[in-house]
């Protein structure tokens, strides 16, 4: 790629698409992007307004006088407080001697590394889950290594129960598991593999199957707060809203040397708008 053919808007779009293809916690089944079109730069804020639930009353014919109540509203703020950059160069000699388009491959790798960083950021929001929906703790994790049924019986079913008690919708429920917990599920006959699930979800990054009413995804970014303890997160995508932009991509020729260079800036932020719509289990998988 000659630097003269670099089109910032096109490359920004390509980078954003590539980034999203690599996300697991940031995939469409796990988060929503309802407010993404309202941000442009780091430091931007979006005011998210919600209203109180109406009261349900009993109507008695010829007796009840209906007086409409005034609903109250509340605001939460989605702050775009994360800004990450990349910058790399490809020497003219290396680029001439290499087979294939070196710069395109380098941009693809930049997108992958950005996705990895973003995924870990999104996964960290488990700390805001309501206490009633947290199973185990960092100091007292659930052991899942005794039998092959532990992953299903000690993790998935209790997570399902916690979400049900919190009145979380059953449609679109997900759970993200670690490779270790996935190893246990693969030995449990109740787990339905992606190629047997009869769904197009297999096209989603990280999707591995279904069990206990969950779409199951596997990720290497499962939170690890201490020691061997892992945090398995479940819920629906209305719980967490996320917004990101590739705000800048620039190509330039560094003064020192003979090379093409590219730098890019990604800004993003997230807000846990429905903490009760997520649940998590602290586990010890080994």
Protein backbone atom coordinates (compact mmCIF):
# COMPACT_ATOMS: atom_id res chain seq x y z
CA UNK A 1 0.00 0.00 0.00
CA UNK A 2 1.51 3.31 -1.03
CA UNK A 3 0.80 6.02 1.48
CA UNK A 4 -0.67 8.19 -1.27
CA UNK A 5 -3.61 5.77 -1.51
CA UNK A 6 -4.48 6.02 2.18
CA UNK A 7 -8.06 7.28 2.66
CA UNK A 8 -8.69 8.06 6.36
CA UNK A 9 -12.46 7.53 6.25
CA UNK A 10 -12.18 4.22 4.43
CA UNK A 11 -9.46 2.88 6.69
CA UNK A 12 -11.29 4.02 9.83
CA UNK A 13 -14.39 2.15 8.66
CA UNK A 14 -12.37 -0.97 7.84
CA UNK A 15 -10.68 -0.85 11.24
CA UNK A 16 -13.99 -0.48 13.08
CA UNK A 17 -15.53 -3.41 11.20
CA UNK A 18 -12.49 -5.59 11.89
CA UNK A 19 -12.55 -4.60 15.57
CA UNK A 20 -16.19 -5.57 16.00
CA UNK A 21 -15.66 -8.95 14.34
CA UNK A 22 -13.19 -9.83 17.10
CA UNK A 23 -15.35 -8.83 20.08
CA UNK A 24 -16.93 -11.44 22.36
CA UNK A 25 -18.06 -9.46 25.41
CA UNK A 26 -18.71 -6.57 23.03
CA UNK A 27 -20.69 -8.68 20.58
CA UNK A 28 -24.31 -7.93 19.66
CA UNK A 29 -25.66 -10.61 21.99
CA UNK A 30 -23.89 -9.19 25.05
CA UNK A 31 -24.21 -5.40 24.85
CA UNK A 32 -26.31 -2.78 23.09
CA UNK A 33 -25.11 0.27 21.17
CA UNK A 34 -28.25 2.39 21.52
CA UNK A 35 -26.36 5.65 22.02
CA UNK A 36 -23.31 5.14 19.84
CA UNK A 37 -24.37 7.60 17.15
CA UNK A 38 -24.25 10.42 19.70
CA UNK A 39 -20.51 10.34 20.42
CA UNK A 40 -17.53 11.56 18.46
CA UNK A 41 -14.61 12.28 20.79
CA UNK A 42 -13.12 11.28 24.11
CA UNK A 43 -14.83 13.17 26.91
CA UNK A 44 -18.23 13.18 25.23
CA UNK A 45 -21.20 12.40 27.48
CA UNK A 46 -24.64 11.04 26.70
CA UNK A 47 -27.56 11.64 29.09
CA UNK A 48 -29.69 8.50 29.36
CA UNK A 49 -33.16 9.29 30.67
CA UNK A 50 -35.45 6.69 32.22
CA UNK A 51 -38.90 7.00 33.77
CA UNK A 52 -40.52 5.32 36.76
CA UNK A 53 -42.94 2.42 36.34
CA UNK A 54 -46.68 3.22 36.40
CA UNK A 55 -48.65 1.98 39.40
CA UNK A 56 -51.20 -0.76 38.68
CA UNK A 57 -54.49 -0.16 40.46
CA UNK A 58 -57.77 -2.03 40.88
CA UNK A 59 -60.74 -0.72 38.95
CA UNK A 60 -64.23 -0.98 40.45
CA UNK A 61 -67.07 -0.13 38.01
CA UNK A 62 -69.13 2.94 38.97
CA UNK A 63 -66.82 3.57 41.92
CA UNK A 64 -63.19 4.11 40.99
CA UNK A 65 -62.10 7.63 40.16
CA UNK A 66 -59.07 7.45 37.90
CA UNK A 67 -56.42 10.07 38.56
CA UNK A 68 -53.36 9.79 36.32
CA UNK A 69 -50.12 9.79 38.27
CA UNK A 70 -47.13 11.85 37.31
CA UNK A 71 -44.17 9.69 36.41
CA UNK A 72 -40.74 10.68 37.63
CA UNK A 73 -37.62 10.56 35.51
CA UNK A 74 -33.98 9.89 36.24
CA UNK A 75 -30.78 10.42 34.31
CA UNK A 76 -27.63 8.38 33.98
CA UNK A 77 -24.54 9.45 32.12
CA UNK A 78 -22.61 7.44 29.57
CA UNK A 79 -19.11 8.94 29.53
CA UNK A 80 -16.67 8.25 26.72
CA UNK A 81 -13.69 8.08 29.05
CA UNK A 82 -11.48 5.51 27.32
CA UNK A 83 -8.98 6.51 24.63
CA UNK A 84 -6.51 4.04 23.12
CA UNK A 85 -4.08 4.51 20.28
CA UNK A 86 -1.81 2.51 18.02
CA UNK A 87 1.09 3.63 15.88
CA UNK A 88 3.38 1.55 13.68
CA UNK A 89 5.60 1.88 10.66
CA UNK A 90 6.70 -0.41 7.84
CA UNK A 91 10.12 0.17 6.31
CA UNK A 92 10.12 0.70 2.55
CA UNK A 93 12.67 -2.08 2.06
CA UNK A 94 10.69 -4.59 4.15
CA UNK A 95 7.49 -3.68 2.37
CA UNK A 96 9.07 -4.09 -1.05
CA UNK A 97 10.56 -7.49 -0.16
CA UNK A 98 7.52 -8.92 1.65
CA UNK A 99 4.89 -11.01 -0.10
CA UNK A 100 1.39 -9.57 0.22
CA UNK A 101 0.16 -6.27 1.60
CA UNK A 102 2.09 -5.72 4.84
CA UNK A 103 0.22 -2.56 5.85
CA UNK A 104 -3.20 -4.20 5.48
CA UNK A 105 -2.12 -7.09 7.68
CA UNK A 106 -0.69 -4.69 10.25
CA UNK A 107 -3.99 -2.79 10.38
CA UNK A 108 -5.82 -6.08 10.90
CA UNK A 109 -3.56 -6.91 13.83
CA UNK A 110 -4.12 -3.45 15.29
CA UNK A 111 -7.87 -4.08 15.17
CA UNK A 112 -7.40 -7.43 16.92
CA UNK A 113 -5.35 -5.90 19.72
CA UNK A 114 -7.88 -3.08 20.15
CA UNK A 115 -10.69 -5.63 20.35
CA UNK A 116 -8.82 -7.55 23.03
CA UNK A 117 -8.41 -4.36 25.08
CA UNK A 118 -12.07 -3.35 24.62
CA UNK A 119 -13.32 -6.83 25.54
CA UNK A 120 -11.41 -6.81 28.83
CA UNK A 121 -12.84 -3.38 29.59
CA UNK A 122 -16.44 -4.51 28.99
CA UNK A 123 -15.92 -7.69 31.03
CA UNK A 124 -14.74 -5.60 34.00
CA UNK A 125 -18.29 -4.26 34.53
CA UNK A 126 -19.20 -7.42 36.45
CA UNK A 127 -18.25 -5.42 39.56
CA UNK A 128 -21.49 -3.43 39.20
CA UNK A 129 -23.80 -6.47 39.26
CA UNK A 130 -26.28 -6.36 42.15
CA UNK A 131 -25.26 -8.48 45.14
CA UNK A 132 -28.30 -10.75 44.86
CA UNK A 133 -27.12 -11.87 41.41
CA UNK A 134 -23.57 -12.73 42.48
CA UNK A 135 -22.80 -16.38 43.22
CA UNK A 136 -19.77 -17.15 45.34
CA UNK A 137 -17.04 -14.55 45.84
CA UNK A 138 -13.39 -13.93 45.17
CA UNK A 139 -12.48 -15.42 48.52
CA UNK A 140 -14.97 -18.28 48.30
CA UNK A 141 -15.34 -19.39 44.66
CA UNK A 142 -17.48 -22.29 43.48
CA UNK A 143 -15.42 -25.43 42.77
CA UNK A 144 -16.24 -26.76 39.31
CA UNK A 145 -13.67 -29.54 38.91
CA UNK A 146 -15.13 -32.43 40.96
CA UNK A 147 -17.40 -33.96 38.29
CA UNK A 148 -18.23 -33.28 34.63
CA UNK A 149 -21.68 -32.03 35.65
CA UNK A 150 -20.36 -29.22 37.87
CA UNK A 151 -20.30 -26.59 35.11
CA UNK A 152 -23.98 -27.17 34.34
CA UNK A 153 -25.30 -27.86 37.85
CA UNK A 154 -23.18 -25.46 39.92
CA UNK A 155 -22.83 -22.56 37.48
CA UNK A 156 -25.34 -22.43 34.62
CA UNK A 157 -28.44 -23.50 36.56
CA UNK A 158 -27.81 -21.15 39.53
CA UNK A 159 -27.12 -18.28 37.11
CA UNK A 160 -30.40 -19.05 35.36
CA UNK A 161 -32.19 -19.03 38.73
CA UNK A 162 -30.67 -15.69 39.72
CA UNK A 163 -31.77 -14.07 36.44
CA UNK A 164 -35.25 -15.58 36.69
CA UNK A 165 -35.70 -14.24 40.24
CA UNK A 166 -34.64 -10.81 38.96
CA UNK A 167 -37.37 -10.97 36.25
CA UNK A 168 -34.80 -10.87 33.45
CA UNK A 169 -36.35 -11.91 30.09
CA UNK A 170 -35.50 -15.42 28.93
CA UNK A 171 -35.06 -14.41 25.28
CA UNK A 172 -31.49 -13.59 24.33
CA UNK A 173 -29.81 -14.76 27.51
CA UNK A 174 -26.07 -15.30 27.20
CA UNK A 175 -23.23 -16.61 29.31
CA UNK A 176 -19.50 -16.24 28.61
CA UNK A 177 -17.36 -19.14 29.79
CA UNK A 178 -13.64 -19.71 30.11
CA UNK A 179 -11.77 -22.45 28.19
CA UNK A 180 -11.58 -24.46 31.43
CA UNK A 181 -15.32 -24.31 32.05
CA UNK A 182 -15.95 -25.00 28.37
CA UNK A 183 -13.90 -28.17 28.74
CA UNK A 184 -16.33 -29.37 31.40
CA UNK A 185 -19.39 -28.49 29.34
CA UNK A 186 -18.09 -30.47 26.36
CA UNK A 187 -18.23 -33.61 28.51
CA UNK A 188 -21.82 -32.95 29.61
CA UNK A 189 -24.51 -34.42 27.35
CA UNK A 190 -26.87 -31.56 28.18
CA UNK A 191 -24.64 -29.09 26.35
CA UNK A 192 -25.70 -28.53 22.71
CA UNK A 193 -22.79 -27.70 20.42
CA UNK A 194 -23.05 -24.78 18.02
CA UNK A 195 -23.23 -27.02 14.94
CA UNK A 196 -26.13 -28.92 16.53
CA UNK A 197 -28.05 -25.93 17.90
CA UNK A 198 -29.95 -25.23 14.66
CA UNK A 199 -29.29 -21.49 14.85
CA UNK A 200 -27.44 -18.85 12.86
CA UNK A 201 -25.77 -17.71 16.10
CA UNK A 202 -22.83 -19.89 15.07
CA UNK A 203 -21.79 -16.94 12.89
CA UNK A 204 -21.15 -14.82 15.98
CA UNK A 205 -17.63 -14.62 17.28
CA UNK A 206 -17.06 -16.94 20.24
CA UNK A 207 -20.43 -18.73 20.05
CA UNK A 208 -19.98 -22.39 21.04
CA UNK A 209 -23.45 -23.73 21.83
CA UNK A 210 -26.47 -23.69 24.12
CA UNK A 211 -27.36 -25.03 27.56
CA UNK A 212 -29.76 -24.19 30.41
CA UNK A 213 -31.46 -21.55 28.25
CA UNK A 214 -28.23 -19.66 27.50
CA UNK A 215 -26.40 -18.84 24.30
CA UNK A 216 -22.89 -19.82 25.35
CA UNK A 217 -19.77 -17.97 24.26
CA UNK A 218 -16.15 -18.79 25.02
CA UNK A 219 -13.49 -16.17 25.71
CA UNK A 220 -9.94 -15.92 26.98
CA UNK A 221 -10.90 -12.60 28.59
CA UNK A 222 -13.02 -14.06 31.39
CA UNK A 223 -12.17 -11.84 34.40
CA UNK A 224 -9.59 -13.25 36.80
CA UNK A 225 -9.77 -11.09 39.96
CA UNK A 226 -7.28 -13.14 41.97
CA UNK A 227 -5.40 -16.44 41.89
CA UNK A 228 -7.29 -19.10 39.96
CA UNK A 229 -10.69 -17.46 40.52
CA UNK A 230 -12.66 -16.67 37.36
CA UNK A 231 -15.87 -14.66 36.94
CA UNK A 232 -18.53 -16.15 34.65
CA UNK A 233 -20.95 -13.46 33.45
CA UNK A 234 -24.50 -14.08 32.23
CA UNK A 235 -27.41 -11.84 31.29
CA UNK A 236 -29.09 -10.01 28.43
CA UNK A 237 -27.79 -7.26 26.16
CA UNK A 238 -30.08 -4.57 27.57
CA UNK A 239 -27.98 -4.49 30.75
CA UNK A 240 -24.90 -2.76 29.34
CA UNK A 241 -24.74 -0.01 26.75
CA UNK A 242 -21.50 0.62 24.89
CA UNK A 243 -20.30 3.20 22.41
CA UNK A 244 -17.09 3.45 20.42
CA UNK A 245 -15.60 5.39 17.56
CA UNK A 246 -12.39 5.23 15.58
CA UNK A 247 -12.00 8.99 15.80
CA UNK A 248 -8.72 9.41 13.94
CA UNK A 249 -6.53 7.46 11.54
CA UNK A 250 -3.58 9.15 9.92
CA UNK A 251 -0.88 8.04 7.51
CA UNK A 252 2.46 9.81 7.44
CA UNK A 253 6.14 9.51 6.51
CA UNK A 254 8.35 9.65 9.64
CA UNK A 255 11.23 12.08 9.21
CA UNK A 256 13.80 9.63 10.54
CA UNK A 257 14.12 6.78 8.03
CA UNK A 258 12.25 5.61 4.96
CA UNK A 259 8.94 4.07 5.93
CA UNK A 260 5.19 4.38 5.84
CA UNK A 261 3.55 4.89 9.24
CA UNK A 262 -0.03 4.82 10.48
CA UNK A 263 -1.48 5.96 13.79
CA UNK A 264 -5.02 5.64 15.02
CA UNK A 265 -7.13 6.71 18.00
CA UNK A 266 -10.12 4.76 19.33
CA UNK A 267 -12.46 6.26 21.93
CA UNK A 268 -15.15 4.37 23.79
CA UNK A 269 -17.15 4.05 26.98
CA UNK A 270 -19.81 1.90 28.60
CA UNK A 271 -22.55 2.16 31.22
CA UNK A 272 -24.25 -0.60 33.20
CA UNK A 273 -27.80 0.71 32.90
CA UNK A 274 -29.57 -2.38 34.28
CA UNK A 275 -27.32 -4.02 36.90
CA UNK A 276 -30.06 -6.50 37.81
CA UNK A 277 -30.09 -7.87 34.25
CA UNK A 278 -26.67 -9.48 34.71
CA UNK A 279 -25.54 -12.26 37.02
CA UNK A 280 -22.10 -13.69 37.71
CA UNK A 281 -20.51 -16.69 39.35
CA UNK A 282 -17.06 -16.69 40.94
CA UNK A 283 -15.58 -20.10 40.18
CA UNK A 284 -12.46 -22.13 40.77
CA UNK A 285 -12.11 -24.25 37.59
CA UNK A 286 -9.01 -26.23 38.56
